[in-house]
Amino acid sequence: MALLFGRQLFSRKPTAPLYGSAFSTVLILIGTGSGAFGEEADSKFLIRITQIVLAVCSLVAALSLLQHLRIRESWMNA
């Protein structure tokens, strides 16, 4: 998995920087799930996934709101 992410990260594609954050996210998910506390691994993994999904949803909502306000502002000025 590290080789796949590394190959994409150091490519010349415009999406290359995204693979760095994606790989760190995978490391966080695997690291918290495979710790010394085996019986809590499932719940920790699900909590992390839920937190990441909520963070992404809030970011998309905020950016959508900003884009909507900028479109409305440019329409009012026209």
PDB file of N, CA and C in Angstrom:
ATOM      1  N   MET A   1       0.823  -1.180   0.000  1.00  0.00           N
ATOM      2  CA  MET A   1       0.000   0.000   0.000  1.00  0.00           C
ATOM      3  C   MET A   1       0.873   1.253   0.000  1.00  0.00           C
ATOM      4  N   ALA A   2       1.966   1.209   0.750  1.00  0.00           N
ATOM      5  CA  ALA A   2       2.859   2.361   0.817  1.00  0.00           C
ATOM      6  C   ALA A   2       3.488   2.642  -0.545  1.00  0.00           C
ATOM      7  N   LEU A   3       3.833   1.593  -1.264  1.00  0.00           N
ATOM      8  CA  LEU A   3       4.411   1.780  -2.602  1.00  0.00           C
ATOM      9  C   LEU A   3       3.407   2.393  -3.574  1.00  0.00           C
ATOM     10  N   LEU A   4       2.157   1.976  -3.476  1.00  0.00           N
ATOM     11  CA  LEU A   4       1.122   2.537  -4.333  1.00  0.00           C
ATOM     12  C   LEU A   4       0.932   4.026  -4.055  1.00  0.00           C
ATOM     13  N   PHE A   5       0.808   4.374  -2.781  1.00  0.00           N
ATOM     14  CA  PHE A   5       0.645   5.780  -2.429  1.00  0.00           C
ATOM     15  C   PHE A   5       1.885   6.590  -2.793  1.00  0.00           C
ATOM     16  N   GLY A   6       3.066   6.021  -2.563  1.00  0.00           N
ATOM     17  CA  GLY A   6       4.302   6.720  -2.891  1.00  0.00           C
ATOM     18  C   GLY A   6       4.446   6.972  -4.372  1.00  0.00           C
ATOM     19  N   ARG A   7       4.067   5.990  -5.166  1.00  0.00           N
ATOM     20  CA  ARG A   7       4.139   6.149  -6.620  1.00  0.00           C
ATOM     21  C   ARG A   7       3.224   7.270  -7.092  1.00  0.00           C
ATOM     22  N   GLN A   8       2.022   7.309  -6.562  1.00  0.00           N
ATOM     23  CA  GLN A   8       1.079   8.363  -6.953  1.00  0.00           C
ATOM     24  C   GLN A   8       1.486   9.728  -6.396  1.00  0.00           C
ATOM     25  N   LEU A   9       2.062   9.733  -5.206  1.00  0.00           N
ATOM     26  CA  LEU A   9       2.464  10.980  -4.570  1.00  0.00           C
ATOM     27  C   LEU A   9       3.563  11.690  -5.353  1.00  0.00           C
ATOM     28  N   PHE A  10       4.509  10.920  -5.883  1.00  0.00           N
ATOM     29  CA  PHE A  10       5.622  11.521  -6.594  1.00  0.00           C
ATOM     30  C   PHE A  10       5.428  11.539  -8.108  1.00  0.00           C
ATOM     31  N   SER A  11       4.206  11.330  -8.556  1.00  0.00           N
ATOM     32  CA  SER A  11       3.917  11.461  -9.979  1.00  0.00           C
ATOM     33  C   SER A  11       3.700  12.939 -10.303  1.00  0.00           C
ATOM     34  N   ARG A  12       3.569  13.222 -11.539  1.00  0.00           N
ATOM     35  CA  ARG A  12       3.378  14.614 -11.970  1.00  0.00           C
ATOM     36  C   ARG A  12       1.903  14.951 -12.185  1.00  0.00           C
ATOM     37  N   LYS A  13       1.028  14.134 -11.665  1.00  0.00           N
ATOM     38  CA  LYS A  13      -0.406  14.368 -11.803  1.00  0.00           C
ATOM     39  C   LYS A  13      -0.840  15.531 -10.920  1.00  0.00           C
ATOM     40  N   PRO A  14      -1.899  16.251 -11.306  1.00  0.00           N
ATOM     41  CA  PRO A  14      -2.381  17.354 -10.457  1.00  0.00           C
ATOM     42  C   PRO A  14      -2.958  16.885  -9.122  1.00  0.00           C
ATOM     43  N   THR A  15      -3.340  15.626  -9.035  1.00  0.00           N
ATOM     44  CA  THR A  15      -3.906  15.096  -7.792  1.00  0.00           C
ATOM     45  C   THR A  15      -2.843  14.488  -6.874  1.00  0.00           C
ATOM     46  N   ALA A  16      -1.581  14.612  -7.224  1.00  0.00           N
ATOM     47  CA  ALA A  16      -0.503  14.005  -6.445  1.00  0.00           C
ATOM     48  C   ALA A  16      -0.471  14.452  -4.983  1.00  0.00           C
ATOM     49  N   PRO A  17      -0.671  15.725  -4.660  1.00  0.00           N
ATOM     50  CA  PRO A  17      -0.632  16.118  -3.236  1.00  0.00           C
ATOM     51  C   PRO A  17      -1.712  15.468  -2.375  1.00  0.00           C
ATOM     52  N   LEU A  18      -2.801  15.056  -2.974  1.00  0.00           N
ATOM     53  CA  LEU A  18      -3.877  14.427  -2.210  1.00  0.00           C
ATOM     54  C   LEU A  18      -3.465  13.077  -1.650  1.00  0.00           C
ATOM     55  N   TYR A  19      -2.538  12.402  -2.313  1.00  0.00           N
ATOM     56  CA  TYR A  19      -2.130  11.084  -1.862  1.00  0.00           C
ATOM     57  C   TYR A  19      -1.329  11.142  -0.563  1.00  0.00           C
ATOM     58  N   GLY A  20      -0.669  12.250  -0.293  1.00  0.00           N
ATOM     59  CA  GLY A  20       0.040  12.390   0.977  1.00  0.00           C
ATOM     60  C   GLY A  20      -0.915  12.409   2.153  1.00  0.00           C
ATOM     61  N   SER A  21      -1.981  13.192   2.035  1.00  0.00           N
ATOM     62  CA  SER A  21      -2.957  13.238   3.121  1.00  0.00           C
ATOM     63  C   SER A  21      -3.749  11.935   3.199  1.00  0.00           C
ATOM     64  N   ALA A  22      -4.000  11.299   2.066  1.00  0.00           N
ATOM     65  CA  ALA A  22      -4.713  10.020   2.087  1.00  0.00           C
ATOM     66  C   ALA A  22      -3.872   8.956   2.780  1.00  0.00           C
ATOM     67  N   PHE A  23      -2.568   8.959   2.533  1.00  0.00           N
ATOM     68  CA  PHE A  23      -1.706   7.964   3.158  1.00  0.00           C
ATOM     69  C   PHE A  23      -1.596   8.189   4.662  1.00  0.00           C
ATOM     70  N   SER A  24      -1.522   9.446   5.087  1.00  0.00           N
ATOM     71  CA  SER A  24      -1.470   9.706   6.529  1.00  0.00           C
ATOM     72  C   SER A  24      -2.780   9.296   7.200  1.00  0.00           C
ATOM     73  N   THR A  25      -3.895   9.460   6.502  1.00  0.00           N
ATOM     74  CA  THR A  25      -5.178   9.017   7.039  1.00  0.00           C
ATOM     75  C   THR A  25      -5.205   7.496   7.205  1.00  0.00           C
ATOM     76  N   VAL A  26      -4.686   6.788   6.217  1.00  0.00           N
ATOM     77  CA  VAL A  26      -4.629   5.325   6.309  1.00  0.00           C
ATOM     78  C   VAL A  26      -3.739   4.906   7.472  1.00  0.00           C
ATOM     79  N   LEU A  27      -2.616   5.579   7.646  1.00  0.00           N
ATOM     80  CA  LEU A  27      -1.728   5.241   8.765  1.00  0.00           C
ATOM     81  C   LEU A  27      -2.399   5.473  10.112  1.00  0.00           C
ATOM     82  N   ILE A  28      -3.153   6.547  10.230  1.00  0.00           N
ATOM     83  CA  ILE A  28      -3.869   6.823  11.485  1.00  0.00           C
ATOM     84  C   ILE A  28      -4.915   5.744  11.746  1.00  0.00           C
ATOM     85  N   LEU A  29      -5.659   5.378  10.711  1.00  0.00           N
ATOM     86  CA  LEU A  29      -6.694   4.363  10.887  1.00  0.00           C
ATOM     87  C   LEU A  29      -6.108   3.011  11.257  1.00  0.00           C
ATOM     88  N   ILE A  30      -5.047   2.620  10.594  1.00  0.00           N
ATOM     89  CA  ILE A  30      -4.423   1.327  10.891  1.00  0.00           C
ATOM     90  C   ILE A  30      -3.730   1.368  12.243  1.00  0.00           C
ATOM     91  N   GLY A  31      -3.074   2.479  12.565  1.00  0.00           N
ATOM     92  CA  GLY A  31      -2.356   2.588  13.835  1.00  0.00           C
ATOM     93  C   GLY A  31      -3.259   2.532  15.039  1.00  0.00           C
ATOM     94  N   THR A  32      -4.387   3.198  14.984  1.00  0.00           N
ATOM     95  CA  THR A  32      -5.299   3.171  16.133  1.00  0.00           C
ATOM     96  C   THR A  32      -6.032   1.842  16.235  1.00  0.00           C
ATOM     97  N   GLY A  33      -6.220   1.184  15.105  1.00  0.00           N
ATOM     98  CA  GLY A  33      -6.937  -0.088  15.128  1.00  0.00           C
ATOM     99  C   GLY A  33      -6.069  -1.263  15.520  1.00  0.00           C
ATOM    100  N   SER A  34      -4.774  -1.129  15.392  1.00  0.00           N
ATOM    101  CA  SER A  34      -3.894  -2.259  15.686  1.00  0.00           C
ATOM    102  C   SER A  34      -3.026  -2.006  16.912  1.00  0.00           C
ATOM    103  N   GLY A  35      -3.523  -1.249  17.847  1.00  0.00           N
ATOM    104  CA  GLY A  35      -2.777  -0.962  19.068  1.00  0.00           C
ATOM    105  C   GLY A  35      -2.798  -2.120  20.040  1.00  0.00           C
ATOM    106  N   ALA A  36      -2.355  -1.862  21.253  1.00  0.00           N
ATOM    107  CA  ALA A  36      -2.264  -2.900  22.281  1.00  0.00           C
ATOM    108  C   ALA A  36      -3.631  -3.310  22.829  1.00  0.00           C
ATOM    109  N   PHE A  37      -4.638  -2.497  22.604  1.00  0.00           N
ATOM    110  CA  PHE A  37      -5.967  -2.773  23.139  1.00  0.00           C
ATOM    111  C   PHE A  37      -6.807  -3.448  22.066  1.00  0.00           C
ATOM    112  N   GLY A  38      -6.697  -4.758  21.957  1.00  0.00           N
ATOM    113  CA  GLY A  38      -7.340  -5.519  20.891  1.00  0.00           C
ATOM    114  C   GLY A  38      -8.850  -5.509  20.942  1.00  0.00           C
ATOM    115  N   GLU A  39      -9.428  -5.563  22.132  1.00  0.00           N
ATOM    116  CA  GLU A  39     -10.882  -5.631  22.217  1.00  0.00           C
ATOM    117  C   GLU A  39     -11.562  -4.316  21.857  1.00  0.00           C
ATOM    118  N   GLU A  40     -10.839  -3.214  21.920  1.00  0.00           N
ATOM    119  CA  GLU A  40     -11.409  -1.918  21.582  1.00  0.00           C
ATOM    120  C   GLU A  40     -11.071  -1.480  20.163  1.00  0.00           C
ATOM    121  N   ALA A  41     -10.390  -2.316  19.403  1.00  0.00           N
ATOM    122  CA  ALA A  41      -9.931  -1.933  18.071  1.00  0.00           C
ATOM    123  C   ALA A  41     -11.100  -1.640  17.136  1.00  0.00           C
ATOM    124  N   ASP A  42     -12.143  -2.455  17.194  1.00  0.00           N
ATOM    125  CA  ASP A  42     -13.283  -2.246  16.303  1.00  0.00           C
ATOM    126  C   ASP A  42     -13.978  -0.924  16.570  1.00  0.00           C
ATOM    127  N   SER A  43     -14.218  -0.633  17.835  1.00  0.00           N
ATOM    128  CA  SER A  43     -14.918   0.604  18.158  1.00  0.00           C
ATOM    129  C   SER A  43     -14.063   1.830  17.842  1.00  0.00           C
ATOM    130  N   LYS A  44     -12.760   1.737  18.094  1.00  0.00           N
ATOM    131  CA  LYS A  44     -11.882   2.862  17.757  1.00  0.00           C
ATOM    132  C   LYS A  44     -11.843   3.105  16.260  1.00  0.00           C
ATOM    133  N   PHE A  45     -11.798   2.027  15.479  1.00  0.00           N
ATOM    134  CA  PHE A  45     -11.781   2.146  14.031  1.00  0.00           C
ATOM    135  C   PHE A  45     -13.057   2.811  13.524  1.00  0.00           C
ATOM    136  N   LEU A  46     -14.200   2.374  14.033  1.00  0.00           N
ATOM    137  CA  LEU A  46     -15.472   2.963  13.606  1.00  0.00           C
ATOM    138  C   LEU A  46     -15.594   4.421  14.041  1.00  0.00           C
ATOM    139  N   ILE A  47     -15.097   4.739  15.214  1.00  0.00           N
ATOM    140  CA  ILE A  47     -15.129   6.126  15.677  1.00  0.00           C
ATOM    141  C   ILE A  47     -14.275   7.004  14.769  1.00  0.00           C
ATOM    142  N   ARG A  48     -13.086   6.528  14.399  1.00  0.00           N
ATOM    143  CA  ARG A  48     -12.206   7.298  13.502  1.00  0.00           C
ATOM    144  C   ARG A  48     -12.858   7.496  12.137  1.00  0.00           C
ATOM    145  N   ILE A  49     -13.441   6.447  11.603  1.00  0.00           N
ATOM    146  CA  ILE A  49     -14.114   6.557  10.300  1.00  0.00           C
ATOM    147  C   ILE A  49     -15.246   7.573  10.378  1.00  0.00           C
ATOM    148  N   THR A  50     -16.025   7.522  11.442  1.00  0.00           N
ATOM    149  CA  THR A  50     -17.128   8.465  11.624  1.00  0.00           C
ATOM    150  C   THR A  50     -16.613   9.892  11.728  1.00  0.00           C
ATOM    151  N   GLN A  51     -15.539  10.095  12.457  1.00  0.00           N
ATOM    152  CA  GLN A  51     -14.971  11.435  12.585  1.00  0.00           C
ATOM    153  C   GLN A  51     -14.466  11.965  11.246  1.00  0.00           C
ATOM    154  N   ILE A  52     -13.840  11.118  10.471  1.00  0.00           N
ATOM    155  CA  ILE A  52     -13.336  11.553   9.170  1.00  0.00           C
ATOM    156  C   ILE A  52     -14.488  11.888   8.233  1.00  0.00           C
ATOM    157  N   VAL A  53     -15.533  11.068   8.236  1.00  0.00           N
ATOM    158  CA  VAL A  53     -16.696  11.336   7.385  1.00  0.00           C
ATOM    159  C   VAL A  53     -17.367  12.652   7.786  1.00  0.00           C
ATOM    160  N   LEU A  54     -17.513  12.878   9.078  1.00  0.00           N
ATOM    161  CA  LEU A  54     -18.118  14.126   9.538  1.00  0.00           C
ATOM    162  C   LEU A  54     -17.257  15.342   9.185  1.00  0.00           C
ATOM    163  N   ALA A  55     -15.949  15.208   9.288  1.00  0.00           N
ATOM    164  CA  ALA A  55     -15.063  16.314   8.927  1.00  0.00           C
ATOM    165  C   ALA A  55     -15.153  16.628   7.437  1.00  0.00           C
ATOM    166  N   VAL A  56     -15.194  15.603   6.615  1.00  0.00           N
ATOM    167  CA  VAL A  56     -15.309  15.813   5.169  1.00  0.00           C
ATOM    168  C   VAL A  56     -16.657  16.442   4.830  1.00  0.00           C
ATOM    169  N   CYS A  57     -17.723  15.973   5.449  1.00  0.00           N
ATOM    170  CA  CYS A  57     -19.054  16.536   5.186  1.00  0.00           C
ATOM    171  C   CYS A  57     -19.139  18.001   5.596  1.00  0.00           C
ATOM    172  N   SER A  58     -18.563  18.343   6.732  1.00  0.00           N
ATOM    173  CA  SER A  58     -18.607  19.739   7.160  1.00  0.00           C
ATOM    174  C   SER A  58     -17.760  20.617   6.249  1.00  0.00           C
ATOM    175  N   LEU A  59     -16.650  20.100   5.762  1.00  0.00           N
ATOM    176  CA  LEU A  59     -15.816  20.862   4.837  1.00  0.00           C
ATOM    177  C   LEU A  59     -16.532  21.086   3.512  1.00  0.00           C
ATOM    178  N   VAL A  60     -17.176  20.061   2.996  1.00  0.00           N
ATOM    179  CA  VAL A  60     -17.919  20.199   1.741  1.00  0.00           C
ATOM    180  C   VAL A  60     -19.076  21.183   1.916  1.00  0.00           C
ATOM    181  N   ALA A  61     -19.768  21.122   3.029  1.00  0.00           N
ATOM    182  CA  ALA A  61     -20.876  22.050   3.279  1.00  0.00           C
ATOM    183  C   ALA A  61     -20.383  23.486   3.370  1.00  0.00           C
ATOM    184  N   ALA A  62     -19.268  23.700   4.051  1.00  0.00           N
ATOM    185  CA  ALA A  62     -18.733  25.058   4.176  1.00  0.00           C
ATOM    186  C   ALA A  62     -18.276  25.593   2.825  1.00  0.00           C
ATOM    187  N   LEU A  63     -17.609  24.780   2.042  1.00  0.00           N
ATOM    188  CA  LEU A  63     -17.161  25.234   0.722  1.00  0.00           C
ATOM    189  C   LEU A  63     -18.335  25.464  -0.221  1.00  0.00           C
ATOM    190  N   SER A  64     -19.360  24.662  -0.127  1.00  0.00           N
ATOM    191  CA  SER A  64     -20.554  24.869  -0.949  1.00  0.00           C
ATOM    192  C   SER A  64     -21.248  26.172  -0.581  1.00  0.00           C
ATOM    193  N   LEU A  65     -21.320  26.451   0.705  1.00  0.00           N
ATOM    194  CA  LEU A  65     -21.920  27.709   1.152  1.00  0.00           C
ATOM    195  C   LEU A  65     -21.117  28.903   0.666  1.00  0.00           C
ATOM    196  N   LEU A  66     -19.798  28.828   0.766  1.00  0.00           N
ATOM    197  CA  LEU A  66     -18.964  29.927   0.280  1.00  0.00           C
ATOM    198  C   LEU A  66     -19.111  30.120  -1.220  1.00  0.00           C
ATOM    199  N   GLN A  67     -19.163  29.043  -1.958  1.00  0.00           N
ATOM    200  CA  GLN A  67     -19.330  29.157  -3.398  1.00  0.00           C
ATOM    201  C   GLN A  67     -20.694  29.765  -3.729  1.00  0.00           C
ATOM    202  N   HIS A  68     -21.725  29.357  -3.020  1.00  0.00           N
ATOM    203  CA  HIS A  68     -23.061  29.903  -3.251  1.00  0.00           C
ATOM    204  C   HIS A  68     -23.102  31.397  -2.955  1.00  0.00           C
ATOM    205  N   LEU A  69     -22.473  31.819  -1.877  1.00  0.00           N
ATOM    206  CA  LEU A  69     -22.461  33.234  -1.528  1.00  0.00           C
ATOM    207  C   LEU A  69     -21.664  34.058  -2.533  1.00  0.00           C
ATOM    208  N   ARG A  70     -20.575  33.525  -3.043  1.00  0.00           N
ATOM    209  CA  ARG A  70     -19.793  34.246  -4.039  1.00  0.00           C
ATOM    210  C   ARG A  70     -20.545  34.363  -5.356  1.00  0.00           C
ATOM    211  N   ILE A  71     -21.276  33.336  -5.746  1.00  0.00           N
ATOM    212  CA  ILE A  71     -22.078  33.408  -6.969  1.00  0.00           C
ATOM    213  C   ILE A  71     -23.177  34.439  -6.799  1.00  0.00           C
ATOM    214  N   ARG A  72     -23.825  34.455  -5.655  1.00  0.00           N
ATOM    215  CA  ARG A  72     -24.885  35.423  -5.400  1.00  0.00           C
ATOM    216  C   ARG A  72     -24.317  36.840  -5.391  1.00  0.00           C
ATOM    217  N   GLU A  73     -23.139  37.028  -4.784  1.00  0.00           N
ATOM    218  CA  GLU A  73     -22.520  38.338  -4.705  1.00  0.00           C
ATOM    219  C   GLU A  73     -22.152  38.841  -6.102  1.00  0.00           C
ATOM    220  N   SER A  74     -21.581  37.990  -6.946  1.00  0.00           N
ATOM    221  CA  SER A  74     -21.218  38.414  -8.299  1.00  0.00           C
ATOM    222  C   SER A  74     -22.471  38.680  -9.132  1.00  0.00           C
ATOM    223  N   TRP A  75     -23.563  37.961  -8.877  1.00  0.00           N
ATOM    224  CA  TRP A  75     -24.804  38.185  -9.602  1.00  0.00           C
ATOM    225  C   TRP A  75     -25.417  39.525  -9.200  1.00  0.00           C
ATOM    226  N   MET A  76     -25.318  39.885  -7.915  1.00  0.00           N
ATOM    227  CA  MET A  76     -25.878  41.149  -7.439  1.00  0.00           C
ATOM    228  C   MET A  76     -25.090  42.339  -7.995  1.00  0.00           C
ATOM    229  N   ASN A  77     -23.787  42.166  -8.176  1.00  0.00           N
ATOM    230  CA  ASN A  77     -22.955  43.252  -8.680  1.00  0.00           C
ATOM    231  C   ASN A  77     -23.088  43.442 -10.189  1.00  0.00           C
ATOM    232  N   ALA A  78     -23.631  42.474 -10.904  1.00  0.00           N
ATOM    233  CA  ALA A  78     -23.716  42.559 -12.361  1.00  0.00           C
ATOM    234  C   ALA A  78     -24.812  43.466 -12.819  1.00  0.00           C
TER     235      ALA A  78
END
